């Protein structure tokens, strides 16, 4: 007799195939909302996704961004008005 396996999905959960489809749709949506120009983007160090300049969190993986100098990419302390590495004025 052939063995039958049953998958029971609890209310609110998605089947593995549905989860995969949602991930694909979510990934495609984040790529269409990201700006096209490199000058208007910042790249996530964790996943490599392009995000709009000034983002606090990555659209793709959700990791937080640290403020970086636009001229030298040095990490900036909170509320900095100038970069302490190159002296460039920080955009508000």
N, C-alpha and C. Protein backbone atom coordinates (compact mmCIF):
# COMPACT_ATOMS: atom_id res chain seq x y z
N UNK A 1 0.84 -1.17 0.00
CA UNK A 1 0.00 0.00 0.00
C UNK A 1 0.89 1.25 0.00
N UNK A 2 0.55 2.20 -0.83
CA UNK A 2 1.35 3.43 -0.92
C UNK A 2 1.11 4.29 0.31
N UNK A 3 2.18 4.90 0.75
CA UNK A 3 2.07 5.75 1.94
C UNK A 3 1.64 7.15 1.52
N UNK A 4 0.70 7.70 2.22
CA UNK A 4 0.19 9.03 1.91
C UNK A 4 0.66 9.98 3.01
N UNK A 5 1.27 11.06 2.58
CA UNK A 5 1.69 12.05 3.58
C UNK A 5 0.77 13.25 3.48
N UNK A 6 0.37 13.73 4.61
CA UNK A 6 -0.53 14.88 4.65
C UNK A 6 0.21 16.07 5.25
N UNK A 7 -0.06 17.22 4.70
CA UNK A 7 0.52 18.44 5.23
C UNK A 7 -0.61 19.25 5.84
N UNK A 8 -0.48 19.54 7.09
CA UNK A 8 -1.50 20.33 7.77
C UNK A 8 -0.92 21.72 7.97
N UNK A 9 -1.64 22.69 7.46
CA UNK A 9 -1.20 24.07 7.57
C UNK A 9 -2.11 24.78 8.56
N UNK A 10 -1.50 25.36 9.58
CA UNK A 10 -2.28 26.08 10.57
C UNK A 10 -2.80 27.38 9.98
N UNK A 11 -3.89 27.86 10.53
CA UNK A 11 -4.50 29.10 10.05
C UNK A 11 -3.48 30.23 10.13
N UNK A 12 -3.35 30.98 9.04
CA UNK A 12 -2.42 32.09 8.99
C UNK A 12 -1.06 31.73 8.42
N UNK A 13 -0.76 30.45 8.31
CA UNK A 13 0.51 30.02 7.74
C UNK A 13 0.35 29.80 6.24
N UNK A 14 1.45 29.88 5.54
CA UNK A 14 1.44 29.64 4.10
C UNK A 14 2.16 28.34 3.79
N UNK A 15 1.71 27.68 2.75
CA UNK A 15 2.39 26.48 2.28
C UNK A 15 3.76 26.90 1.76
N UNK A 16 4.75 26.01 1.77
CA UNK A 16 6.10 26.36 1.30
C UNK A 16 6.12 27.01 -0.08
N UNK A 17 5.30 26.52 -1.00
CA UNK A 17 5.26 27.10 -2.35
C UNK A 17 4.74 28.54 -2.30
N UNK A 18 3.73 28.79 -1.48
CA UNK A 18 3.19 30.15 -1.34
C UNK A 18 4.22 31.08 -0.71
N UNK A 19 4.98 30.58 0.26
CA UNK A 19 6.03 31.39 0.88
C UNK A 19 7.08 31.79 -0.14
N UNK A 20 7.47 30.84 -0.97
CA UNK A 20 8.47 31.11 -2.00
C UNK A 20 7.96 32.14 -3.00
N UNK A 21 6.69 32.03 -3.41
CA UNK A 21 6.10 32.99 -4.35
C UNK A 21 6.06 34.38 -3.73
N UNK A 22 5.72 34.48 -2.46
CA UNK A 22 5.67 35.78 -1.78
C UNK A 22 7.06 36.41 -1.72
N UNK A 23 8.08 35.57 -1.43
CA UNK A 23 9.45 36.09 -1.37
C UNK A 23 9.86 36.65 -2.72
N UNK A 24 9.51 35.93 -3.80
CA UNK A 24 9.86 36.39 -5.14
C UNK A 24 9.16 37.70 -5.45
N UNK A 25 7.87 37.79 -5.12
CA UNK A 25 7.11 39.02 -5.37
C UNK A 25 7.66 40.17 -4.55
N UNK A 26 7.97 39.92 -3.29
CA UNK A 26 8.52 40.96 -2.42
C UNK A 26 9.86 41.44 -2.91
N UNK A 27 10.71 40.53 -3.37
CA UNK A 27 12.02 40.89 -3.89
C UNK A 27 11.88 41.71 -5.16
N UNK A 28 10.96 41.33 -6.03
CA UNK A 28 10.74 42.07 -7.28
C UNK A 28 10.18 43.45 -6.97
N UNK A 29 9.30 43.55 -5.99
CA UNK A 29 8.72 44.85 -5.63
C UNK A 29 9.78 45.78 -5.08
N UNK A 30 10.69 45.27 -4.25
CA UNK A 30 11.72 46.14 -3.68
C UNK A 30 12.68 46.62 -4.76
N UNK A 31 12.92 45.81 -5.77
CA UNK A 31 13.81 46.22 -6.85
C UNK A 31 13.17 47.28 -7.73
N UNK A 32 11.85 47.27 -7.85
CA UNK A 32 11.19 48.28 -8.68
C UNK A 32 11.05 49.60 -7.94
N UNK A 33 11.07 49.58 -6.61
CA UNK A 33 10.95 50.82 -5.85
C UNK A 33 12.30 51.48 -5.62
N UNK A 34 13.38 50.76 -5.80
CA UNK A 34 14.71 51.34 -5.60
C UNK A 34 15.03 52.30 -6.74
N UNK A 35 15.67 53.42 -6.44
CA UNK A 35 16.01 54.39 -7.48
C UNK A 35 16.96 53.82 -8.52
N UNK A 36 16.90 54.39 -9.72
CA UNK A 36 17.71 53.89 -10.83
C UNK A 36 19.12 54.49 -10.84
N UNK A 37 19.28 55.73 -10.41
CA UNK A 37 20.56 56.43 -10.46
C UNK A 37 21.46 56.02 -9.30
N UNK A 38 22.74 55.75 -9.58
CA UNK A 38 23.68 55.37 -8.52
C UNK A 38 23.86 56.50 -7.51
N UNK A 39 23.76 57.76 -7.97
CA UNK A 39 23.92 58.89 -7.07
C UNK A 39 22.79 58.96 -6.04
N UNK A 40 21.64 58.38 -6.37
CA UNK A 40 20.49 58.41 -5.48
C UNK A 40 20.34 57.12 -4.67
N UNK A 41 21.38 56.28 -4.68
CA UNK A 41 21.28 55.00 -3.99
C UNK A 41 22.40 54.81 -2.99
N UNK A 42 22.15 53.90 -2.09
CA UNK A 42 23.18 53.41 -1.19
C UNK A 42 23.03 51.89 -1.18
N UNK A 43 24.15 51.20 -1.14
CA UNK A 43 24.15 49.74 -1.23
C UNK A 43 24.23 49.12 0.16
N UNK A 44 23.39 48.15 0.41
CA UNK A 44 23.40 47.45 1.69
C UNK A 44 24.65 46.59 1.78
N UNK A 45 25.39 46.75 2.87
CA UNK A 45 26.61 45.97 3.07
C UNK A 45 26.31 44.50 3.35
N UNK A 46 25.11 44.21 3.83
CA UNK A 46 24.74 42.83 4.16
C UNK A 46 24.32 42.01 2.95
N UNK A 47 23.44 42.60 2.09
CA UNK A 47 22.89 41.81 0.99
C UNK A 47 23.21 42.37 -0.39
N UNK A 48 23.76 43.60 -0.47
CA UNK A 48 24.13 44.18 -1.76
C UNK A 48 23.00 44.87 -2.50
N UNK A 49 21.82 44.95 -1.91
CA UNK A 49 20.66 45.56 -2.56
C UNK A 49 20.82 47.08 -2.61
N UNK A 50 20.42 47.69 -3.74
CA UNK A 50 20.42 49.14 -3.88
C UNK A 50 19.19 49.69 -3.17
N UNK A 51 19.39 50.71 -2.36
CA UNK A 51 18.31 51.34 -1.60
C UNK A 51 18.34 52.84 -1.84
N UNK A 52 17.21 53.53 -1.67
CA UNK A 52 17.19 54.98 -1.83
C UNK A 52 18.15 55.64 -0.83
N UNK A 53 18.83 56.68 -1.28
CA UNK A 53 19.76 57.41 -0.41
C UNK A 53 19.00 57.93 0.81
N UNK A 54 19.59 57.79 1.97
CA UNK A 54 18.97 58.24 3.21
C UNK A 54 18.14 57.18 3.91
N UNK A 55 18.07 55.98 3.34
CA UNK A 55 17.31 54.90 3.97
C UNK A 55 17.92 54.56 5.33
N UNK A 56 17.08 54.22 6.28
CA UNK A 56 17.57 53.81 7.59
C UNK A 56 17.66 52.29 7.69
N UNK A 57 16.87 51.59 6.84
CA UNK A 57 16.87 50.14 6.84
C UNK A 57 16.83 49.65 5.40
N UNK A 58 17.43 48.49 5.13
CA UNK A 58 17.46 47.91 3.79
C UNK A 58 16.07 47.43 3.38
N UNK A 59 15.68 47.73 2.15
CA UNK A 59 14.39 47.29 1.62
C UNK A 59 14.32 45.78 1.46
N UNK A 60 15.46 45.14 1.25
CA UNK A 60 15.47 43.71 0.96
C UNK A 60 15.65 42.86 2.22
N UNK A 61 16.67 43.16 3.03
CA UNK A 61 16.95 42.30 4.18
C UNK A 61 16.56 42.92 5.52
N UNK A 62 16.25 44.23 5.53
CA UNK A 62 15.79 44.88 6.75
C UNK A 62 16.88 45.30 7.72
N UNK A 63 18.13 45.09 7.37
CA UNK A 63 19.23 45.48 8.26
C UNK A 63 19.34 47.00 8.32
N UNK A 64 19.72 47.55 9.47
CA UNK A 64 19.85 49.00 9.57
C UNK A 64 21.10 49.51 8.86
N UNK A 65 21.00 50.72 8.31
CA UNK A 65 22.14 51.40 7.70
C UNK A 65 22.77 52.29 8.74
N UNK A 66 24.07 52.42 8.67
CA UNK A 66 24.77 53.41 9.48
C UNK A 66 25.01 54.59 8.56
N UNK A 67 24.96 55.79 9.11
CA UNK A 67 25.19 56.99 8.30
C UNK A 67 26.62 56.99 7.77
N UNK A 68 26.77 57.30 6.47
CA UNK A 68 28.08 57.33 5.83
C UNK A 68 28.28 58.65 5.12
N UNK A 69 29.53 59.10 5.07
CA UNK A 69 29.89 60.30 4.35
C UNK A 69 29.71 60.05 2.86
N UNK A 70 29.09 61.01 2.17
CA UNK A 70 28.88 60.88 0.73
C UNK A 70 30.17 61.01 -0.07
N UNK A 71 31.20 61.64 0.50
CA UNK A 71 32.45 61.85 -0.21
C UNK A 71 33.44 60.70 -0.01
N UNK A 72 33.58 60.24 1.24
CA UNK A 72 34.62 59.23 1.51
C UNK A 72 34.09 57.91 2.06
N UNK A 73 32.78 57.81 2.27
CA UNK A 73 32.11 56.61 2.77
C UNK A 73 32.47 56.24 4.21
N UNK A 74 33.09 57.14 4.93
CA UNK A 74 33.41 56.90 6.34
C UNK A 74 32.11 56.88 7.15
N UNK A 75 32.03 56.02 8.17
CA UNK A 75 30.86 55.97 9.03
C UNK A 75 30.80 57.25 9.86
N UNK A 76 29.62 57.86 9.91
CA UNK A 76 29.45 59.12 10.62
C UNK A 76 28.79 58.90 11.98
N UNK A 77 29.21 59.65 12.97
CA UNK A 77 28.51 59.56 14.26
C UNK A 77 27.13 60.21 14.14
N UNK A 78 26.19 59.84 15.01
CA UNK A 78 24.86 60.43 14.95
C UNK A 78 24.91 61.95 15.05
N UNK A 79 24.06 62.62 14.29
CA UNK A 79 23.89 64.08 14.28
C UNK A 79 25.12 64.84 13.79
N UNK A 80 26.05 64.19 13.11
CA UNK A 80 27.24 64.88 12.59
C UNK A 80 26.84 65.86 11.50
N UNK A 81 27.44 67.03 11.50
CA UNK A 81 27.20 68.03 10.45
C UNK A 81 28.33 68.01 9.43
N UNK A 82 29.50 67.50 9.86
CA UNK A 82 30.65 67.38 8.98
C UNK A 82 31.30 66.02 9.22
N UNK A 83 31.92 65.47 8.19
CA UNK A 83 32.64 64.20 8.30
C UNK A 83 33.94 64.45 9.07
N UNK A 84 34.21 63.63 10.07
CA UNK A 84 35.43 63.80 10.84
C UNK A 84 36.65 63.18 10.15
N UNK A 85 36.44 62.52 9.00
CA UNK A 85 37.56 61.94 8.26
C UNK A 85 38.03 62.85 7.13
N UNK A 86 37.08 63.47 6.40
CA UNK A 86 37.47 64.29 5.24
C UNK A 86 36.99 65.73 5.32
N UNK A 87 36.13 66.06 6.29
CA UNK A 87 35.66 67.42 6.45
C UNK A 87 34.47 67.81 5.59
N UNK A 88 33.97 66.88 4.79
CA UNK A 88 32.82 67.16 3.92
C UNK A 88 31.58 67.45 4.76
N UNK A 89 30.79 68.45 4.32
CA UNK A 89 29.55 68.76 5.01
C UNK A 89 28.55 67.63 4.77
N UNK A 90 27.87 67.22 5.81
CA UNK A 90 26.90 66.13 5.74
C UNK A 90 25.56 66.69 5.31
N UNK A 91 24.91 66.02 4.34
CA UNK A 91 23.58 66.43 3.90
C UNK A 91 22.58 66.18 5.02
N UNK A 92 21.65 67.09 5.18
CA UNK A 92 20.65 66.95 6.25
C UNK A 92 19.60 65.94 5.90
